[in-house]
Amino acid sequence: MENTVSSYLSLSGTFSCGQCFRWHQDEAGRWCGVAGGNAYYLEQRMVGNPSSILHADSFLRSYFALDMDYDSILRDIASRDRHLAHAVENSPGIRILRQDAFETLLSFIISQNNNIPRISGIIGRLCKAWGRRIHDGTDIEYAFPLPQALAEVSEQEFRDIGAGFRAPYLVDAVRRVLDGRLDLQIVPSLPISEARSVLQEVRGVGPKVAECVLLYGCGHLEAFPLDVWMKRAMVELFPGRDPGWFGPHAGIAQQYIFHMMRTQART
């Protein structure tokens, strides 16, 4: 499914800032990926009216959070500090995706002590082995598997696709979702402190993975993942600050800081 998007949403910034692993850019410059059980091919173009963006696809409007007033949110973030103002200016158009909670949970379990190419490879093999086949024209893609499709998958089978030491964590996550000990439908509505505790009952899910799942998969925009880049930023740019200082959209602020730190490290 092909769509054109406006310049006020940056596909490159949004897909390349560490929050998702199933999108890649092809030789023609299109972003290709699978979300919501469908394959998409997206192209960045300058178009006139942002309100018409992706008007034909309600899923993508929700996926990219196009119903949120990011202009107001980013003005609030930028007003708090000169470093935040620079981060927002440095990375226009980044948005927090509304991803599936189960997919996000397994993806960030896989992300532990890993790099993005390997994470994407493991997730791709997971989808090919147990996900629904999607035939879109000449291309074949695979949806992320439902929990039921992974019910009988063993630790060894997860190891066979490259999950390594994370294999038992994946098994535990799947079992908890299937038997109801982890209800991902209610996590978005829980107070964030309770939601953190619920997620960290899953084997191998610590504070960082829990924050990523809350932010990217459960709509808790106050969640504030702290990886090595963010820990460095907090020491160098925001000494003495805690996540609460960044406001109700701390997770969005975090994404802009994270992208700025990684971009500056490359230059």
C-alpha atoms as a PDB file:
ATOM      1  CA  MET A   1       0.000   0.000   0.000  1.00  0.00           C
ATOM      2  CA  GLU A   2       1.611   3.266  -1.121  1.00  0.00           C
ATOM      3  CA  ASN A   3       1.081   6.608   0.583  1.00  0.00           C
ATOM      4  CA  THR A   4       2.520  10.097   0.392  1.00  0.00           C
ATOM      5  CA  VAL A   5       3.246  12.038   3.575  1.00  0.00           C
ATOM      6  CA  SER A   6       3.806  15.702   4.359  1.00  0.00           C
ATOM      7  CA  SER A   7       7.086  17.303   5.373  1.00  0.00           C
ATOM      8  CA  TYR A   8       5.806  18.012   8.902  1.00  0.00           C
ATOM      9  CA  LEU A   9       6.258  14.318   9.620  1.00  0.00           C
ATOM     10  CA  SER A  10       9.811  13.106   9.059  1.00  0.00           C
ATOM     11  CA  LEU A  11       9.786   9.460   8.030  1.00  0.00           C
ATOM     12  CA  SER A  12      13.561   9.240   8.254  1.00  0.00           C
ATOM     13  CA  GLY A  13      13.686  10.806  11.705  1.00  0.00           C
ATOM     14  CA  THR A  14      10.761   8.804  13.028  1.00  0.00           C
ATOM     15  CA  PHE A  15      11.890   5.427  11.698  1.00  0.00           C
ATOM     16  CA  SER A  16      15.597   5.904  12.485  1.00  0.00           C
ATOM     17  CA  CYS A  17      15.444   7.005  16.110  1.00  0.00           C
ATOM     18  CA  GLY A  18      15.453   3.594  17.771  1.00  0.00           C
ATOM     19  CA  GLN A  19      11.747   3.114  18.453  1.00  0.00           C
ATOM     20  CA  CYS A  20      10.934   0.549  15.733  1.00  0.00           C
ATOM     21  CA  PHE A  21      12.700  -2.205  13.815  1.00  0.00           C
ATOM     22  CA  ARG A  22      10.525  -3.199  10.854  1.00  0.00           C
ATOM     23  CA  TRP A  23      11.076  -0.281   8.491  1.00  0.00           C
ATOM     24  CA  HIS A  24      13.822   0.127   5.913  1.00  0.00           C
ATOM     25  CA  GLN A  25      14.484   2.418   2.974  1.00  0.00           C
ATOM     26  CA  ASP A  26      14.641   0.898  -0.499  1.00  0.00           C
ATOM     27  CA  GLU A  27      16.753   2.000  -3.462  1.00  0.00           C
ATOM     28  CA  ALA A  28      13.985   4.311  -4.656  1.00  0.00           C
ATOM     29  CA  GLY A  29      13.948   6.121  -1.330  1.00  0.00           C
ATOM     30  CA  ARG A  30      10.641   4.670  -0.161  1.00  0.00           C
ATOM     31  CA  TRP A  31      10.239   3.490   3.409  1.00  0.00           C
ATOM     32  CA  CYS A  32       9.019  -0.113   3.418  1.00  0.00           C
ATOM     33  CA  GLY A  33       7.600  -1.794   6.468  1.00  0.00           C
ATOM     34  CA  VAL A  34       4.873  -3.802   8.135  1.00  0.00           C
ATOM     35  CA  ALA A  35       2.516  -2.346  10.724  1.00  0.00           C
ATOM     36  CA  GLY A  36      -0.932  -3.336  11.869  1.00  0.00           C
ATOM     37  CA  GLY A  37      -0.760  -6.501   9.799  1.00  0.00           C
ATOM     38  CA  ASN A  38      -0.276  -4.645   6.506  1.00  0.00           C
ATOM     39  CA  ALA A  39       2.722  -3.887   4.315  1.00  0.00           C
ATOM     40  CA  TYR A  40       3.291  -0.215   3.528  1.00  0.00           C
ATOM     41  CA  TYR A  41       5.505   1.707   1.135  1.00  0.00           C
ATOM     42  CA  LEU A  42       5.803   5.342   2.166  1.00  0.00           C
ATOM     43  CA  GLU A  43       7.434   8.217   0.338  1.00  0.00           C
ATOM     44  CA  GLN A  44       8.331  11.610   1.778  1.00  0.00           C
ATOM     45  CA  ARG A  45       7.083  14.482  -0.362  1.00  0.00           C
ATOM     46  CA  MET A  46       6.401  18.154   0.131  1.00  0.00           C
ATOM     47  CA  VAL A  47       2.636  18.605  -0.011  1.00  0.00           C
ATOM     48  CA  GLY A  48       0.472  21.582   0.777  1.00  0.00           C
ATOM     49  CA  ASN A  49      -2.094  20.807   3.417  1.00  0.00           C
ATOM     50  CA  PRO A  50      -0.944  18.802   6.450  1.00  0.00           C
ATOM     51  CA  SER A  51      -4.577  18.067   7.366  1.00  0.00           C
ATOM     52  CA  SER A  52      -4.867  15.932   4.237  1.00  0.00           C
ATOM     53  CA  ILE A  53      -1.878  13.780   5.170  1.00  0.00           C
ATOM     54  CA  LEU A  54      -2.569  10.062   4.823  1.00  0.00           C
ATOM     55  CA  HIS A  55      -6.280  10.891   4.676  1.00  0.00           C
ATOM     56  CA  ALA A  56      -7.044   7.589   3.004  1.00  0.00           C
ATOM     57  CA  ASP A  57      -5.641   5.425   5.791  1.00  0.00           C
ATOM     58  CA  SER A  58      -7.056   5.803   9.296  1.00  0.00           C
ATOM     59  CA  PHE A  59      -4.610   3.233  10.674  1.00  0.00           C
ATOM     60  CA  LEU A  60      -1.586   5.268   9.585  1.00  0.00           C
ATOM     61  CA  ARG A  61      -3.102   8.464  10.974  1.00  0.00           C
ATOM     62  CA  SER A  62      -3.287   6.757  14.351  1.00  0.00           C
ATOM     63  CA  TYR A  63       0.063   4.974  13.954  1.00  0.00           C
ATOM     64  CA  PHE A  64       1.855   8.291  13.383  1.00  0.00           C
ATOM     65  CA  ALA A  65      -0.237  10.050  16.077  1.00  0.00           C
ATOM     66  CA  LEU A  66      -1.404  12.610  13.536  1.00  0.00           C
ATOM     67  CA  ASP A  67      -4.338  13.476  15.790  1.00  0.00           C
ATOM     68  CA  MET A  68      -1.950  15.002  18.343  1.00  0.00           C
ATOM     69  CA  ASP A  69      -0.950  18.666  18.315  1.00  0.00           C
ATOM     70  CA  TYR A  70       2.801  18.152  18.133  1.00  0.00           C
ATOM     71  CA  ASP A  71       3.374  21.861  17.459  1.00  0.00           C
ATOM     72  CA  SER A  72       2.068  22.744  20.922  1.00  0.00           C
ATOM     73  CA  ILE A  73       3.842  19.831  22.571  1.00  0.00           C
ATOM     74  CA  LEU A  74       7.191  20.717  21.011  1.00  0.00           C
ATOM     75  CA  ARG A  75       6.793  24.397  21.887  1.00  0.00           C
ATOM     76  CA  ASP A  76       6.306  23.390  25.510  1.00  0.00           C
ATOM     77  CA  ILE A  77       9.326  21.086  25.430  1.00  0.00           C
ATOM     78  CA  ALA A  78      11.557  23.668  23.736  1.00  0.00           C
ATOM     79  CA  SER A  79      10.552  26.378  26.215  1.00  0.00           C
ATOM     80  CA  ARG A  80      11.957  24.450  29.161  1.00  0.00           C
ATOM     81  CA  ASP A  81      15.656  24.647  28.342  1.00  0.00           C
ATOM     82  CA  ARG A  82      18.080  25.748  25.611  1.00  0.00           C
ATOM     83  CA  HIS A  83      19.308  22.177  25.139  1.00  0.00           C
ATOM     84  CA  LEU A  84      15.752  21.003  24.566  1.00  0.00           C
ATOM     85  CA  ALA A  85      15.177  23.865  22.149  1.00  0.00           C
ATOM     86  CA  HIS A  86      18.255  22.760  20.214  1.00  0.00           C
ATOM     87  CA  ALA A  87      17.124  19.121  20.233  1.00  0.00           C
ATOM     88  CA  VAL A  88      13.716  20.049  18.808  1.00  0.00           C
ATOM     89  CA  GLU A  89      15.286  22.299  16.179  1.00  0.00           C
ATOM     90  CA  ASN A  90      17.855  19.624  15.286  1.00  0.00           C
ATOM     91  CA  SER A  91      15.288  16.903  14.528  1.00  0.00           C
ATOM     92  CA  PRO A  92      12.049  18.309  13.102  1.00  0.00           C
ATOM     93  CA  GLY A  93       9.246  15.902  12.361  1.00  0.00           C
ATOM     94  CA  ILE A  94      10.006  13.034  14.757  1.00  0.00           C
ATOM     95  CA  ARG A  95       6.886  11.443  16.225  1.00  0.00           C
ATOM     96  CA  ILE A  96       6.356   8.661  18.731  1.00  0.00           C
ATOM     97  CA  LEU A  97       4.680   5.797  16.885  1.00  0.00           C
ATOM     98  CA  ARG A  98       1.657   4.026  18.346  1.00  0.00           C
ATOM     99  CA  GLN A  99       2.851   0.463  18.023  1.00  0.00           C
ATOM    100  CA  ASP A 100       1.267  -2.817  19.064  1.00  0.00           C
ATOM    101  CA  ALA A 101       2.045  -3.560  22.708  1.00  0.00           C
ATOM    102  CA  PHE A 102       2.832  -7.261  22.224  1.00  0.00           C
ATOM    103  CA  GLU A 103       5.122  -6.585  19.275  1.00  0.00           C
ATOM    104  CA  THR A 104       6.844  -3.818  21.221  1.00  0.00           C
ATOM    105  CA  LEU A 105       7.344  -6.037  24.265  1.00  0.00           C
ATOM    106  CA  LEU A 106       9.002  -8.836  22.315  1.00  0.00           C
ATOM    107  CA  SER A 107      10.989  -6.424  20.148  1.00  0.00           C
ATOM    108  CA  PHE A 108      12.540  -4.641  23.110  1.00  0.00           C
ATOM    109  CA  ILE A 109      13.269  -7.903  24.899  1.00  0.00           C
ATOM    110  CA  ILE A 110      15.207  -8.827  21.758  1.00  0.00           C
ATOM    111  CA  SER A 111      16.901  -5.394  21.775  1.00  0.00           C
ATOM    112  CA  GLN A 112      18.792  -6.037  25.011  1.00  0.00           C
ATOM    113  CA  ASN A 113      22.580  -5.875  24.543  1.00  0.00           C
ATOM    114  CA  ASN A 114      22.018  -5.826  20.810  1.00  0.00           C
ATOM    115  CA  ASN A 115      22.392  -3.518  17.809  1.00  0.00           C
ATOM    116  CA  ILE A 116      19.701  -2.372  15.399  1.00  0.00           C
ATOM    117  CA  PRO A 117      20.733  -4.498  12.371  1.00  0.00           C
ATOM    118  CA  ARG A 118      20.784  -7.664  14.499  1.00  0.00           C
ATOM    119  CA  ILE A 119      17.526  -6.752  16.239  1.00  0.00           C
ATOM    120  CA  SER A 120      15.835  -6.212  12.885  1.00  0.00           C
ATOM    121  CA  GLY A 121      17.209  -9.503  11.590  1.00  0.00           C
ATOM    122  CA  ILE A 122      15.953 -11.507  14.562  1.00  0.00           C
ATOM    123  CA  ILE A 123      12.520  -9.891  14.382  1.00  0.00           C
ATOM    124  CA  GLY A 124      12.381 -10.510  10.635  1.00  0.00           C
ATOM    125  CA  ARG A 125      13.121 -14.211  11.137  1.00  0.00           C
ATOM    126  CA  LEU A 126      10.552 -14.374  13.943  1.00  0.00           C
ATOM    127  CA  CYS A 127       7.900 -12.948  11.630  1.00  0.00           C
ATOM    128  CA  LYS A 128       8.841 -15.201   8.723  1.00  0.00           C
ATOM    129  CA  ALA A 129       8.734 -18.311  10.920  1.00  0.00           C
ATOM    130  CA  TRP A 130       5.444 -17.667  12.740  1.00  0.00           C
ATOM    131  CA  GLY A 131       3.785 -14.576  11.281  1.00  0.00           C
ATOM    132  CA  ARG A 132       0.976 -14.327   8.758  1.00  0.00           C
ATOM    133  CA  ARG A 133       2.165 -14.111   5.159  1.00  0.00           C
ATOM    134  CA  ILE A 134       1.312 -10.836   3.417  1.00  0.00           C
ATOM    135  CA  HIS A 135       1.395 -10.777  -0.367  1.00  0.00           C
ATOM    136  CA  ASP A 136       1.457  -7.215  -1.653  1.00  0.00           C
ATOM    137  CA  GLY A 137       1.996  -7.114  -5.400  1.00  0.00           C
ATOM    138  CA  THR A 138       5.363  -8.676  -6.148  1.00  0.00           C
ATOM    139  CA  ASP A 139       6.648  -8.438  -2.566  1.00  0.00           C
ATOM    140  CA  ILE A 140       6.070 -10.898   0.243  1.00  0.00           C
ATOM    141  CA  GLU A 141       6.158  -9.679   3.835  1.00  0.00           C
ATOM    142  CA  TYR A 142       5.150 -11.199   7.152  1.00  0.00           C
ATOM    143  CA  ALA A 143       3.032  -9.752   9.932  1.00  0.00           C
ATOM    144  CA  PHE A 144       4.275  -9.867  13.497  1.00  0.00           C
ATOM    145  CA  PRO A 145       2.938 -13.113  14.990  1.00  0.00           C
ATOM    146  CA  LEU A 146       0.028 -13.079  17.394  1.00  0.00           C
ATOM    147  CA  PRO A 147       0.636 -14.524  20.873  1.00  0.00           C
ATOM    148  CA  GLN A 148      -1.338 -17.649  19.946  1.00  0.00           C
ATOM    149  CA  ALA A 149       1.038 -18.358  17.060  1.00  0.00           C
ATOM    150  CA  LEU A 150       3.959 -18.432  19.511  1.00  0.00           C
ATOM    151  CA  ALA A 151       2.254 -20.579  22.150  1.00  0.00           C
ATOM    152  CA  GLU A 152       4.224 -23.735  21.365  1.00  0.00           C
ATOM    153  CA  VAL A 153       7.527 -22.117  20.367  1.00  0.00           C
ATOM    154  CA  SER A 154      10.366 -23.437  22.506  1.00  0.00           C
ATOM    155  CA  GLU A 155      13.440 -21.697  23.864  1.00  0.00           C
ATOM    156  CA  GLN A 156      15.543 -23.622  21.357  1.00  0.00           C
ATOM    157  CA  GLU A 157      13.415 -22.443  18.449  1.00  0.00           C
ATOM    158  CA  PHE A 158      13.856 -18.852  19.587  1.00  0.00           C
ATOM    159  CA  ARG A 159      17.591 -19.493  19.866  1.00  0.00           C
ATOM    160  CA  ASP A 160      17.577 -20.866  16.328  1.00  0.00           C
ATOM    161  CA  ILE A 161      16.463 -17.472  14.978  1.00  0.00           C
ATOM    162  CA  GLY A 162      19.245 -15.732  16.895  1.00  0.00           C
ATOM    163  CA  ALA A 163      17.544 -14.696  20.143  1.00  0.00           C
ATOM    164  CA  GLY A 164      20.339 -16.172  22.255  1.00  0.00           C
ATOM    165  CA  PHE A 165      20.088 -15.554  26.007  1.00  0.00           C
ATOM    166  CA  ARG A 166      16.820 -13.691  25.419  1.00  0.00           C
ATOM    167  CA  ALA A 167      15.007 -16.893  24.362  1.00  0.00           C
ATOM    168  CA  PRO A 168      13.647 -17.770  27.830  1.00  0.00           C
ATOM    169  CA  TYR A 169      12.513 -14.176  28.259  1.00  0.00           C
ATOM    170  CA  LEU A 170      10.471 -14.430  25.062  1.00  0.00           C
ATOM    171  CA  VAL A 171       8.918 -17.712  26.185  1.00  0.00           C
ATOM    172  CA  ASP A 172       7.955 -16.190  29.534  1.00  0.00           C
ATOM    173  CA  ALA A 173       6.467 -13.075  27.917  1.00  0.00           C
ATOM    174  CA  VAL A 174       4.345 -15.141  25.525  1.00  0.00           C
ATOM    175  CA  ARG A 175       3.096 -17.425  28.306  1.00  0.00           C
ATOM    176  CA  ARG A 176       2.169 -14.508  30.563  1.00  0.00           C
ATOM    177  CA  VAL A 177       0.172 -12.842  27.804  1.00  0.00           C
ATOM    178  CA  LEU A 178      -1.613 -16.067  26.883  1.00  0.00           C
ATOM    179  CA  ASP A 179      -2.539 -17.092  30.427  1.00  0.00           C
ATOM    180  CA  GLY A 180      -3.649 -13.600  31.402  1.00  0.00           C
ATOM    181  CA  ARG A 181      -0.983 -12.816  33.970  1.00  0.00           C
ATOM    182  CA  LEU A 182       0.021  -9.928  31.700  1.00  0.00           C
ATOM    183  CA  ASP A 183      -2.965  -8.117  30.210  1.00  0.00           C
ATOM    184  CA  LEU A 184      -1.516  -5.710  27.674  1.00  0.00           C
ATOM    185  CA  GLN A 185      -4.986  -4.315  27.002  1.00  0.00           C
ATOM    186  CA  ILE A 186      -5.133  -2.643  30.414  1.00  0.00           C
ATOM    187  CA  VAL A 187      -1.501  -1.524  30.776  1.00  0.00           C
ATOM    188  CA  PRO A 188      -2.129   1.738  28.859  1.00  0.00           C
ATOM    189  CA  SER A 189      -4.811   2.741  31.386  1.00  0.00           C
ATOM    190  CA  LEU A 190      -2.803   1.893  34.506  1.00  0.00           C
ATOM    191  CA  PRO A 191      -0.940   4.547  36.498  1.00  0.00           C
ATOM    192  CA  ILE A 192       2.576   4.489  35.133  1.00  0.00           C
ATOM    193  CA  SER A 193       4.148   3.262  38.378  1.00  0.00           C
ATOM    194  CA  GLU A 194       1.799   0.272  38.409  1.00  0.00           C
ATOM    195  CA  ALA A 195       2.323  -0.332  34.688  1.00  0.00           C
ATOM    196  CA  ARG A 196       6.094  -0.430  35.241  1.00  0.00           C
ATOM    197  CA  SER A 197       5.714  -3.016  37.986  1.00  0.00           C
ATOM    198  CA  VAL A 198       3.415  -5.197  35.890  1.00  0.00           C
ATOM    199  CA  LEU A 199       5.813  -5.249  32.931  1.00  0.00           C
ATOM    200  CA  GLN A 200       8.845  -5.945  35.093  1.00  0.00           C
ATOM    201  CA  GLU A 201       7.245  -9.151  36.326  1.00  0.00           C
ATOM    202  CA  VAL A 202       8.174 -10.578  32.913  1.00  0.00           C
ATOM    203  CA  ARG A 203      11.454 -12.428  33.052  1.00  0.00           C
ATOM    204  CA  GLY A 204      14.283 -10.304  31.678  1.00  0.00           C
ATOM    205  CA  VAL A 205      12.293  -7.058  31.555  1.00  0.00           C
ATOM    206  CA  GLY A 206      14.108  -4.382  33.518  1.00  0.00           C
ATOM    207  CA  PRO A 207      13.485  -0.642  33.857  1.00  0.00           C
ATOM    208  CA  LYS A 208      14.780   0.331  30.405  1.00  0.00           C
ATOM    209  CA  VAL A 209      12.787  -2.277  28.455  1.00  0.00           C
ATOM    210  CA  ALA A 210       9.691  -1.500  30.519  1.00  0.00           C
ATOM    211  CA  GLU A 211       9.984   2.221  29.742  1.00  0.00           C
ATOM    212  CA  CYS A 212      10.349   1.489  26.026  1.00  0.00           C
ATOM    213  CA  VAL A 213       7.247  -0.704  26.012  1.00  0.00           C
ATOM    214  CA  LEU A 214       5.278   1.910  27.944  1.00  0.00           C
ATOM    215  CA  LEU A 215       6.304   4.727  25.606  1.00  0.00           C
ATOM    216  CA  TYR A 216       6.217   3.012  22.218  1.00  0.00           C
ATOM    217  CA  GLY A 217       3.555   0.361  22.763  1.00  0.00           C
ATOM    218  CA  CYS A 218       1.244   1.578  25.521  1.00  0.00           C
ATOM    219  CA  GLY A 219       0.854   5.305  24.968  1.00  0.00           C
ATOM    220  CA  HIS A 220       2.471   6.384  28.240  1.00  0.00           C
ATOM    221  CA  LEU A 221       4.097   9.532  26.877  1.00  0.00           C
ATOM    222  CA  GLU A 222       5.576  10.349  30.282  1.00  0.00           C
ATOM    223  CA  ALA A 223       7.761   7.217  30.114  1.00  0.00           C
ATOM    224  CA  PHE A 224      11.466   8.059  29.840  1.00  0.00           C
ATOM    225  CA  PRO A 225      13.785   5.284  28.609  1.00  0.00           C
ATOM    226  CA  LEU A 226      17.385   5.705  29.755  1.00  0.00           C
ATOM    227  CA  ASP A 227      19.926   3.998  27.530  1.00  0.00           C
ATOM    228  CA  VAL A 228      23.620   4.879  27.316  1.00  0.00           C
ATOM    229  CA  TRP A 229      22.920   7.944  25.143  1.00  0.00           C
ATOM    230  CA  MET A 230      20.241   9.301  27.449  1.00  0.00           C
ATOM    231  CA  LYS A 231      22.289   8.651  30.579  1.00  0.00           C
ATOM    232  CA  ARG A 232      25.100  10.642  29.012  1.00  0.00           C
ATOM    233  CA  ALA A 233      22.710  13.452  28.086  1.00  0.00           C
ATOM    234  CA  MET A 234      21.299  13.591  31.607  1.00  0.00           C
ATOM    235  CA  VAL A 235      24.806  13.967  33.060  1.00  0.00           C
ATOM    236  CA  GLU A 236      26.161  16.421  30.494  1.00  0.00           C
ATOM    237  CA  LEU A 237      23.101  18.518  29.612  1.00  0.00           C
ATOM    238  CA  PHE A 238      20.566  18.082  32.403  1.00  0.00           C
ATOM    239  CA  PRO A 239      22.501  17.555  35.675  1.00  0.00           C
ATOM    240  CA  GLY A 240      20.220  17.321  38.669  1.00  0.00           C
ATOM    241  CA  ARG A 241      17.093  16.890  36.551  1.00  0.00           C
ATOM    242  CA  ASP A 242      14.775  13.905  36.772  1.00  0.00           C
ATOM    243  CA  PRO A 243      12.290  12.679  34.142  1.00  0.00           C
ATOM    244  CA  GLY A 244       9.429  14.514  35.820  1.00  0.00           C
ATOM    245  CA  TRP A 245      11.077  17.851  35.029  1.00  0.00           C
ATOM    246  CA  PHE A 246      10.504  17.254  31.304  1.00  0.00           C
ATOM    247  CA  GLY A 247       6.744  17.417  31.756  1.00  0.00           C
ATOM    248  CA  PRO A 248       3.779  15.266  30.701  1.00  0.00           C
ATOM    249  CA  HIS A 249       5.375  14.501  27.331  1.00  0.00           C
ATOM    250  CA  ALA A 250       8.767  13.543  28.723  1.00  0.00           C
ATOM    251  CA  GLY A 251       8.961  10.569  26.377  1.00  0.00           C
ATOM    252  CA  ILE A 252       8.704  12.815  23.336  1.00  0.00           C
ATOM    253  CA  ALA A 253      11.415  15.070  24.768  1.00  0.00           C
ATOM    254  CA  GLN A 254      13.545  11.991  25.343  1.00  0.00           C
ATOM    255  CA  GLN A 255      13.217  10.945  21.715  1.00  0.00           C
ATOM    256  CA  TYR A 256      14.451  14.319  20.469  1.00  0.00           C
ATOM    257  CA  ILE A 257      17.358  14.315  22.931  1.00  0.00           C
ATOM    258  CA  PHE A 258      18.283  10.754  21.975  1.00  0.00           C
ATOM    259  CA  HIS A 259      18.269  11.578  18.267  1.00  0.00           C
ATOM    260  CA  MET A 260      20.352  14.720  18.846  1.00  0.00           C
ATOM    261  CA  MET A 261      22.954  12.863  20.902  1.00  0.00           C
ATOM    262  CA  ARG A 262      23.370  10.123  18.298  1.00  0.00           C
ATOM    263  CA  THR A 263      23.456  12.608  15.415  1.00  0.00           C
ATOM    264  CA  GLN A 264      26.103  14.762  17.066  1.00  0.00           C
ATOM    265  CA  ALA A 265      28.231  11.700  17.803  1.00  0.00           C
ATOM    266  CA  ARG A 266      28.375  10.926  14.073  1.00  0.00           C
ATOM    267  CA  THR A 267      29.566  14.414  13.096  1.00  0.00           C
END
